Amino acid sequence: MTNKRMIPVTAVLGVGDETIPHDRAGIIVARELAALVKAEAIGGIHVFECGVTPEHFSGVLRPLKPARVVIVDAMSPGVGEDNGVRVVSKDQIGGISFSTHALPLTVFLRYLESSLGCTTAIIGITGDGDDETMRGYAARVLELIVQGNEL
C-alpha cells in the first residue's frame, strides 16, 4: 500500500504556448508540478498541460469530479512587481494581461463552476525564467494548492 498524502481532488491546468518564451510559464510549471506531485506522493492532484485551449479539457475533468480547478498561466507583471507566482482573483483578470486563448478565462471558469460544481482559481506566473526558476515556481504552486487557503 502506498503512503500518499491526500488533498481534495484538484485539477491543475497548465496553460500557454510553449513555443513563445513569455507565454510558456504555465506549461513548464505544470510539467514541473506533475513531477513534484509524483515525487512527494500527493494524491488528489491531477495536472494537465493544456496549451492555449484549456476548454478542450473540460470533458476530461468531468469524471474526476474535482472540488477545485486551478489554472496556471503566464501573466505580465504589474508595475513594480517582481517575477514570481501570484494568486489572481477572477475580478482582477480584466486588468491583467494573460496569454491569448481561444475562450476568455473568465468565461471558462464560470462554465467549470456551473457544470462541475467546483471552485476555481488562477495562479499567474510572471517571468520566463530558466528551468531552475520554473522548478521553484512549481514548488510554490504546489505549496499554494496543498495549503488551499489562498485559492
N, C-alpha and C. Protein backbone atom coordinates (compact mmCIF):
# COMPACT_ATOMS: atom_id res chain seq x y z
N MET A 1 0.84 -1.18 0.00
CA MET A 1 0.00 0.00 0.00
C MET A 1 0.89 1.24 0.00
N THR A 2 0.55 2.21 -0.83
CA THR A 2 1.31 3.44 -0.95
C THR A 2 0.88 4.41 0.14
N ASN A 3 1.85 5.11 0.72
CA ASN A 3 1.55 6.10 1.74
C ASN A 3 1.47 7.47 1.08
N LYS A 4 0.25 7.86 0.67
CA LYS A 4 0.07 9.11 -0.04
C LYS A 4 -0.60 10.14 0.87
N ARG A 5 -0.18 11.40 0.70
CA ARG A 5 -0.91 12.50 1.31
C ARG A 5 -2.06 12.82 0.37
N MET A 6 -3.23 13.06 0.92
CA MET A 6 -4.39 13.34 0.08
C MET A 6 -4.90 14.76 0.35
N ILE A 7 -5.34 15.40 -0.70
CA ILE A 7 -6.00 16.69 -0.59
C ILE A 7 -7.29 16.58 -1.40
N PRO A 8 -8.20 17.56 -1.27
CA PRO A 8 -9.40 17.49 -2.11
C PRO A 8 -9.01 17.38 -3.59
N VAL A 9 -9.79 16.62 -4.35
CA VAL A 9 -9.46 16.42 -5.75
C VAL A 9 -9.31 17.78 -6.43
N THR A 10 -8.13 17.99 -6.98
CA THR A 10 -7.78 19.26 -7.60
C THR A 10 -7.22 19.01 -8.99
N ALA A 11 -7.80 19.68 -9.98
CA ALA A 11 -7.26 19.62 -11.34
C ALA A 11 -6.47 20.90 -11.58
N VAL A 12 -5.24 20.74 -12.04
CA VAL A 12 -4.39 21.88 -12.35
C VAL A 12 -4.20 21.91 -13.86
N LEU A 13 -4.57 23.02 -14.47
CA LEU A 13 -4.48 23.17 -15.92
C LEU A 13 -3.35 24.14 -16.25
N GLY A 14 -2.26 23.62 -16.79
CA GLY A 14 -1.16 24.47 -17.24
C GLY A 14 -1.51 25.01 -18.61
N VAL A 15 -1.50 26.33 -18.76
CA VAL A 15 -1.97 26.98 -19.97
C VAL A 15 -0.87 27.83 -20.57
N GLY A 16 -0.79 27.85 -21.90
CA GLY A 16 0.16 28.72 -22.59
C GLY A 16 0.70 28.09 -23.85
N ASP A 17 1.54 28.82 -24.51
CA ASP A 17 2.18 28.38 -25.74
C ASP A 17 3.67 28.20 -25.48
N GLU A 18 4.09 26.96 -25.44
CA GLU A 18 5.48 26.64 -25.10
C GLU A 18 6.49 27.18 -26.10
N THR A 19 6.04 27.48 -27.31
CA THR A 19 6.97 27.98 -28.33
C THR A 19 7.24 29.48 -28.19
N ILE A 20 6.48 30.15 -27.34
CA ILE A 20 6.67 31.59 -27.12
C ILE A 20 7.23 31.78 -25.72
N PRO A 21 8.48 32.23 -25.58
CA PRO A 21 9.12 32.31 -24.26
C PRO A 21 8.30 33.01 -23.18
N HIS A 22 7.67 34.12 -23.48
CA HIS A 22 6.92 34.84 -22.45
C HIS A 22 5.55 34.23 -22.15
N ASP A 23 5.15 33.20 -22.90
CA ASP A 23 3.84 32.57 -22.71
C ASP A 23 3.96 31.11 -22.26
N ARG A 24 5.15 30.63 -22.03
CA ARG A 24 5.34 29.20 -21.75
C ARG A 24 5.28 28.84 -20.27
N ALA A 25 5.26 29.83 -19.39
CA ALA A 25 5.38 29.56 -17.96
C ALA A 25 4.34 28.58 -17.43
N GLY A 26 3.08 28.72 -17.83
CA GLY A 26 2.03 27.83 -17.33
C GLY A 26 2.27 26.37 -17.69
N ILE A 27 2.75 26.14 -18.90
CA ILE A 27 3.02 24.77 -19.35
C ILE A 27 4.23 24.19 -18.62
N ILE A 28 5.31 24.95 -18.54
CA ILE A 28 6.53 24.47 -17.90
C ILE A 28 6.29 24.22 -16.41
N VAL A 29 5.60 25.13 -15.74
CA VAL A 29 5.31 24.94 -14.32
C VAL A 29 4.42 23.72 -14.11
N ALA A 30 3.45 23.49 -15.00
CA ALA A 30 2.59 22.31 -14.89
C ALA A 30 3.42 21.03 -15.01
N ARG A 31 4.34 21.01 -15.94
CA ARG A 31 5.20 19.84 -16.12
C ARG A 31 6.03 19.58 -14.86
N GLU A 32 6.61 20.64 -14.33
CA GLU A 32 7.42 20.51 -13.10
C GLU A 32 6.54 20.11 -11.91
N LEU A 33 5.32 20.67 -11.87
CA LEU A 33 4.39 20.35 -10.79
C LEU A 33 4.01 18.87 -10.81
N ALA A 34 3.76 18.33 -11.99
CA ALA A 34 3.41 16.91 -12.11
C ALA A 34 4.53 16.03 -11.55
N ALA A 35 5.77 16.40 -11.82
CA ALA A 35 6.91 15.64 -11.29
C ALA A 35 6.98 15.75 -9.77
N LEU A 36 6.71 16.92 -9.22
CA LEU A 36 6.73 17.11 -7.77
C LEU A 36 5.62 16.30 -7.09
N VAL A 37 4.43 16.34 -7.67
CA VAL A 37 3.30 15.60 -7.10
C VAL A 37 3.62 14.11 -7.04
N LYS A 38 4.23 13.60 -8.11
CA LYS A 38 4.61 12.18 -8.14
C LYS A 38 5.72 11.89 -7.13
N ALA A 39 6.73 12.73 -7.07
CA ALA A 39 7.87 12.51 -6.17
C ALA A 39 7.45 12.59 -4.70
N GLU A 40 6.52 13.47 -4.39
CA GLU A 40 6.11 13.66 -3.00
C GLU A 40 4.89 12.81 -2.64
N ALA A 41 4.43 11.98 -3.57
CA ALA A 41 3.31 11.07 -3.35
C ALA A 41 2.10 11.79 -2.77
N ILE A 42 1.64 12.80 -3.49
CA ILE A 42 0.46 13.55 -3.06
C ILE A 42 -0.70 13.13 -3.93
N GLY A 43 -1.70 12.52 -3.31
CA GLY A 43 -2.87 12.08 -4.05
C GLY A 43 -3.89 13.19 -4.17
N GLY A 44 -4.70 13.11 -5.21
CA GLY A 44 -5.78 14.06 -5.38
C GLY A 44 -5.47 15.20 -6.33
N ILE A 45 -4.20 15.35 -6.75
CA ILE A 45 -3.85 16.41 -7.68
C ILE A 45 -3.64 15.80 -9.06
N HIS A 46 -4.37 16.32 -10.03
CA HIS A 46 -4.26 15.87 -11.42
C HIS A 46 -3.80 17.06 -12.26
N VAL A 47 -2.68 16.90 -12.95
CA VAL A 47 -2.08 18.01 -13.70
C VAL A 47 -2.21 17.75 -15.20
N PHE A 48 -2.62 18.79 -15.93
CA PHE A 48 -2.78 18.69 -17.38
C PHE A 48 -2.05 19.85 -18.06
N GLU A 49 -1.33 19.54 -19.12
CA GLU A 49 -0.71 20.56 -19.96
C GLU A 49 -1.71 20.85 -21.08
N CYS A 50 -2.34 22.01 -21.03
CA CYS A 50 -3.48 22.29 -21.92
C CYS A 50 -3.15 23.13 -23.15
N GLY A 51 -1.96 23.64 -23.25
CA GLY A 51 -1.67 24.52 -24.38
C GLY A 51 -2.51 25.78 -24.29
N VAL A 52 -2.95 26.28 -25.43
CA VAL A 52 -3.71 27.54 -25.45
C VAL A 52 -5.23 27.33 -25.43
N THR A 53 -5.67 26.08 -25.32
CA THR A 53 -7.12 25.81 -25.32
C THR A 53 -7.51 24.94 -24.12
N PRO A 54 -7.48 25.49 -22.93
CA PRO A 54 -7.85 24.68 -21.75
C PRO A 54 -9.28 24.19 -21.80
N GLU A 55 -10.15 24.90 -22.55
CA GLU A 55 -11.55 24.47 -22.63
C GLU A 55 -11.69 23.09 -23.26
N HIS A 56 -10.72 22.65 -24.03
CA HIS A 56 -10.77 21.31 -24.62
C HIS A 56 -10.62 20.21 -23.57
N PHE A 57 -10.24 20.57 -22.36
CA PHE A 57 -10.03 19.58 -21.30
C PHE A 57 -11.24 19.45 -20.36
N SER A 58 -12.31 20.17 -20.63
CA SER A 58 -13.47 20.11 -19.74
C SER A 58 -14.06 18.69 -19.69
N GLY A 59 -14.04 17.99 -20.80
CA GLY A 59 -14.55 16.61 -20.81
C GLY A 59 -13.71 15.65 -19.99
N VAL A 60 -12.41 15.89 -19.92
CA VAL A 60 -11.51 15.06 -19.11
C VAL A 60 -11.75 15.32 -17.62
N LEU A 61 -12.18 16.53 -17.30
CA LEU A 61 -12.39 16.90 -15.90
C LEU A 61 -13.65 16.29 -15.31
N ARG A 62 -14.69 16.12 -16.12
CA ARG A 62 -15.98 15.64 -15.60
C ARG A 62 -15.87 14.37 -14.76
N PRO A 63 -15.23 13.30 -15.26
CA PRO A 63 -15.17 12.08 -14.44
C PRO A 63 -14.32 12.23 -13.17
N LEU A 64 -13.43 13.21 -13.14
CA LEU A 64 -12.61 13.43 -11.93
C LEU A 64 -13.43 14.03 -10.79
N LYS A 65 -14.49 14.75 -11.15
CA LYS A 65 -15.33 15.47 -10.18
C LYS A 65 -14.46 16.28 -9.22
N PRO A 66 -13.66 17.20 -9.77
CA PRO A 66 -12.76 17.96 -8.89
C PRO A 66 -13.51 18.91 -7.97
N ALA A 67 -12.98 19.07 -6.77
CA ALA A 67 -13.52 20.06 -5.83
C ALA A 67 -13.07 21.45 -6.26
N ARG A 68 -11.90 21.50 -6.92
CA ARG A 68 -11.40 22.78 -7.42
C ARG A 68 -10.56 22.57 -8.67
N VAL A 69 -10.57 23.60 -9.49
CA VAL A 69 -9.76 23.62 -10.71
C VAL A 69 -8.87 24.86 -10.61
N VAL A 70 -7.58 24.65 -10.80
CA VAL A 70 -6.62 25.75 -10.73
C VAL A 70 -5.97 25.90 -12.09
N ILE A 71 -6.04 27.10 -12.64
CA ILE A 71 -5.38 27.39 -13.91
C ILE A 71 -4.06 28.07 -13.61
N VAL A 72 -2.99 27.57 -14.21
CA VAL A 72 -1.67 28.18 -14.08
C VAL A 72 -1.32 28.74 -15.45
N ASP A 73 -1.07 30.05 -15.50
CA ASP A 73 -0.87 30.71 -16.78
C ASP A 73 0.17 31.81 -16.65
N ALA A 74 0.81 32.11 -17.75
CA ALA A 74 1.75 33.23 -17.80
C ALA A 74 0.97 34.52 -17.64
N MET A 75 1.58 35.48 -16.99
CA MET A 75 0.93 36.75 -16.72
C MET A 75 1.97 37.85 -16.82
N SER A 76 1.59 38.95 -17.38
CA SER A 76 2.50 40.10 -17.42
C SER A 76 2.57 40.72 -16.04
N PRO A 77 3.78 41.04 -15.55
CA PRO A 77 3.87 41.65 -14.23
C PRO A 77 3.29 43.06 -14.23
N GLY A 78 2.73 43.44 -13.10
CA GLY A 78 2.24 44.81 -12.95
C GLY A 78 3.40 45.73 -12.66
N VAL A 79 3.13 46.99 -12.66
CA VAL A 79 4.16 47.98 -12.38
C VAL A 79 4.74 47.74 -11.00
N GLY A 80 6.05 47.66 -10.93
CA GLY A 80 6.73 47.46 -9.66
C GLY A 80 6.71 46.04 -9.13
N GLU A 81 6.14 45.10 -9.88
CA GLU A 81 6.08 43.70 -9.46
C GLU A 81 7.30 42.93 -9.91
N ASP A 82 7.77 42.04 -9.07
CA ASP A 82 8.86 41.15 -9.44
C ASP A 82 8.28 39.93 -10.14
N ASN A 83 9.16 39.16 -10.77
CA ASN A 83 8.75 37.89 -11.35
C ASN A 83 8.38 36.94 -10.22
N GLY A 84 7.50 36.00 -10.51
CA GLY A 84 7.14 35.03 -9.49
C GLY A 84 5.76 34.46 -9.69
N VAL A 85 5.17 34.03 -8.56
CA VAL A 85 3.89 33.33 -8.53
C VAL A 85 2.88 34.22 -7.80
N ARG A 86 1.69 34.34 -8.38
CA ARG A 86 0.69 35.21 -7.78
C ARG A 86 -0.70 34.62 -7.97
N VAL A 87 -1.46 34.52 -6.90
CA VAL A 87 -2.87 34.12 -7.00
C VAL A 87 -3.64 35.34 -7.47
N VAL A 88 -4.45 35.14 -8.50
CA VAL A 88 -5.18 36.25 -9.10
C VAL A 88 -6.68 35.98 -8.95
N SER A 89 -7.40 36.95 -8.43
CA SER A 89 -8.85 36.76 -8.31
C SER A 89 -9.49 36.94 -9.69
N LYS A 90 -10.63 36.31 -9.85
CA LYS A 90 -11.34 36.42 -11.13
C LYS A 90 -11.72 37.87 -11.42
N ASP A 91 -11.95 38.65 -10.38
CA ASP A 91 -12.28 40.06 -10.57
C ASP A 91 -11.12 40.86 -11.15
N GLN A 92 -9.89 40.40 -10.91
CA GLN A 92 -8.71 41.11 -11.39
C GLN A 92 -8.34 40.77 -12.83
N ILE A 93 -8.89 39.72 -13.38
CA ILE A 93 -8.46 39.25 -14.69
C ILE A 93 -8.59 40.31 -15.76
N GLY A 94 -9.65 41.09 -15.71
CA GLY A 94 -9.84 42.12 -16.73
C GLY A 94 -8.70 43.11 -16.79
N GLY A 95 -8.03 43.37 -15.68
CA GLY A 95 -6.96 44.35 -15.65
C GLY A 95 -5.58 43.77 -15.78
N ILE A 96 -5.49 42.46 -15.99
CA ILE A 96 -4.18 41.80 -16.06
C ILE A 96 -4.03 41.15 -17.42
N SER A 97 -2.85 41.25 -17.96
CA SER A 97 -2.61 40.68 -19.28
C SER A 97 -2.17 39.23 -19.16
N PHE A 98 -3.02 38.32 -19.66
CA PHE A 98 -2.69 36.91 -19.73
C PHE A 98 -2.43 36.56 -21.18
N SER A 99 -1.92 35.37 -21.40
CA SER A 99 -1.67 34.94 -22.77
C SER A 99 -2.98 34.82 -23.53
N THR A 100 -2.90 34.78 -24.83
CA THR A 100 -4.09 34.74 -25.68
C THR A 100 -4.69 33.33 -25.68
N HIS A 101 -6.00 33.27 -25.53
CA HIS A 101 -6.71 31.98 -25.51
C HIS A 101 -7.88 32.06 -26.46
N ALA A 102 -8.33 30.89 -26.88
CA ALA A 102 -9.48 30.84 -27.78
C ALA A 102 -10.74 31.31 -27.07
N LEU A 103 -10.85 31.06 -25.77
CA LEU A 103 -12.01 31.44 -24.98
C LEU A 103 -11.49 32.24 -23.78
N PRO A 104 -12.09 33.38 -23.47
CA PRO A 104 -11.62 34.14 -22.29
C PRO A 104 -11.65 33.28 -21.03
N LEU A 105 -10.64 33.42 -20.19
CA LEU A 105 -10.55 32.60 -18.98
C LEU A 105 -11.75 32.80 -18.06
N THR A 106 -12.27 34.00 -17.97
CA THR A 106 -13.42 34.22 -17.08
C THR A 106 -14.63 33.41 -17.53
N VAL A 107 -14.85 33.32 -18.82
CA VAL A 107 -15.98 32.53 -19.35
C VAL A 107 -15.75 31.05 -19.04
N PHE A 108 -14.55 30.57 -19.26
CA PHE A 108 -14.22 29.17 -18.99
C PHE A 108 -14.37 28.84 -17.50
N LEU A 109 -13.90 29.72 -16.64
CA LEU A 109 -14.01 29.48 -15.20
C LEU A 109 -15.47 29.43 -14.75
N ARG A 110 -16.30 30.34 -15.25
CA ARG A 110 -17.73 30.31 -14.91
C ARG A 110 -18.39 29.01 -15.39
N TYR A 111 -17.99 28.58 -16.58
CA TYR A 111 -18.53 27.32 -17.11
C TYR A 111 -18.15 26.15 -16.20
N LEU A 112 -16.87 26.08 -15.78
CA LEU A 112 -16.44 24.99 -14.91
C LEU A 112 -17.18 25.01 -13.58
N GLU A 113 -17.33 26.18 -13.01
CA GLU A 113 -18.02 26.30 -11.73
C GLU A 113 -19.46 25.82 -11.82
N SER A 114 -20.16 26.19 -12.90
CA SER A 114 -21.56 25.80 -13.02
C SER A 114 -21.72 24.34 -13.45
N SER A 115 -20.88 23.85 -14.33
CA SER A 115 -21.06 22.48 -14.83
C SER A 115 -20.47 21.42 -13.91
N LEU A 116 -19.40 21.75 -13.20
CA LEU A 116 -18.74 20.77 -12.33
C LEU A 116 -19.04 20.99 -10.84
N GLY A 117 -19.59 22.15 -10.52
CA GLY A 117 -19.87 22.45 -9.11
C GLY A 117 -18.59 22.60 -8.29
N CYS A 118 -17.53 23.07 -8.92
CA CYS A 118 -16.24 23.21 -8.25
C CYS A 118 -15.91 24.68 -8.03
N THR A 119 -14.88 24.91 -7.23
CA THR A 119 -14.33 26.26 -7.13
C THR A 119 -13.21 26.36 -8.15
N THR A 120 -12.88 27.59 -8.52
CA THR A 120 -11.80 27.79 -9.48
C THR A 120 -10.84 28.86 -8.97
N ALA A 121 -9.62 28.79 -9.44
CA ALA A 121 -8.61 29.78 -9.08
C ALA A 121 -7.63 29.91 -10.23
N ILE A 122 -6.99 31.07 -10.26
CA ILE A 122 -5.95 31.31 -11.25
C ILE A 122 -4.66 31.65 -10.54
N ILE A 123 -3.59 31.01 -10.96
CA ILE A 123 -2.26 31.35 -10.47
C ILE A 123 -1.49 31.88 -11.66
N GLY A 124 -1.07 33.12 -11.56
CA GLY A 124 -0.31 33.76 -12.62
C GLY A 124 1.18 33.61 -12.35
N ILE A 125 1.91 33.29 -13.41
CA ILE A 125 3.36 33.17 -13.34
C ILE A 125 3.94 34.31 -14.17
N THR A 126 4.73 35.15 -13.54
CA THR A 126 5.38 36.23 -14.27
C THR A 126 6.84 35.89 -14.49
N GLY A 127 7.32 36.20 -15.66
CA GLY A 127 8.71 35.90 -15.99
C GLY A 127 8.82 34.65 -16.82
N ASP A 128 9.89 34.55 -17.57
CA ASP A 128 10.14 33.37 -18.40
C ASP A 128 11.51 32.81 -18.04
N GLY A 129 11.67 32.49 -16.77
CA GLY A 129 12.95 32.07 -16.23
C GLY A 129 13.45 30.74 -16.76
N ASP A 130 14.66 30.42 -16.33
CA ASP A 130 15.28 29.16 -16.71
C ASP A 130 14.59 27.99 -15.99
N ASP A 131 15.03 26.77 -16.27
CA ASP A 131 14.39 25.58 -15.69
C ASP A 131 14.43 25.59 -14.17
N GLU A 132 15.52 26.01 -13.58
CA GLU A 132 15.64 26.04 -12.12
C GLU A 132 14.61 27.00 -11.52
N THR A 133 14.45 28.15 -12.14
CA THR A 133 13.46 29.12 -11.68
C THR A 133 12.06 28.53 -11.78
N MET A 134 11.77 27.86 -12.90
CA MET A 134 10.45 27.25 -13.09
C MET A 134 10.19 26.15 -12.06
N ARG A 135 11.22 25.39 -11.70
CA ARG A 135 11.06 24.38 -10.65
C ARG A 135 10.68 25.04 -9.32
N GLY A 136 11.31 26.17 -9.04
CA GLY A 136 10.96 26.92 -7.83
C GLY A 136 9.53 27.42 -7.87
N TYR A 137 9.10 27.91 -9.03
CA TYR A 137 7.72 28.37 -9.18
C TYR A 137 6.75 27.20 -8.98
N ALA A 138 7.09 26.03 -9.53
CA ALA A 138 6.23 24.85 -9.38
C ALA A 138 6.11 24.46 -7.92
N ALA A 139 7.21 24.54 -7.18
CA ALA A 139 7.17 24.21 -5.75
C ALA A 139 6.25 25.18 -5.01
N ARG A 140 6.28 26.44 -5.38
CA ARG A 140 5.40 27.44 -4.74
C ARG A 140 3.94 27.17 -5.11
N VAL A 141 3.67 26.81 -6.35
CA VAL A 141 2.30 26.48 -6.77
C VAL A 141 1.80 25.28 -5.98
N LEU A 142 2.62 24.25 -5.84
CA LEU A 142 2.24 23.07 -5.06
C LEU A 142 1.92 23.46 -3.62
N GLU A 143 2.74 24.31 -3.05
CA GLU A 143 2.50 24.78 -1.68
C GLU A 143 1.15 25.48 -1.58
N LEU A 144 0.83 26.33 -2.53
CA LEU A 144 -0.46 27.02 -2.52
C LEU A 144 -1.62 26.04 -2.63
N ILE A 145 -1.47 25.03 -3.49
CA ILE A 145 -2.55 24.06 -3.69
C ILE A 145 -2.75 23.21 -2.44
N VAL A 146 -1.67 22.74 -1.85
CA VAL A 146 -1.78 21.89 -0.66
C VAL A 146 -2.34 22.69 0.51
N GLN A 147 -1.88 23.93 0.70
CA GLN A 147 -2.41 24.75 1.79
C GLN A 147 -3.85 25.14 1.52
N GLY A 148 -4.14 25.49 0.27
CA GLY A 148 -5.50 25.78 -0.15
C GLY A 148 -6.12 27.05 0.37
N ASN A 149 -5.53 27.70 1.35
CA ASN A 149 -6.19 28.85 1.95
C ASN A 149 -6.15 30.11 1.10
N GLU A 150 -5.23 30.21 0.15
CA GLU A 150 -5.18 31.39 -0.70
C GLU A 150 -5.96 31.20 -2.00
N LEU A 151 -6.45 29.98 -2.24
CA LEU A 151 -7.15 29.69 -3.51
C LEU A 151 -8.65 29.77 -3.34
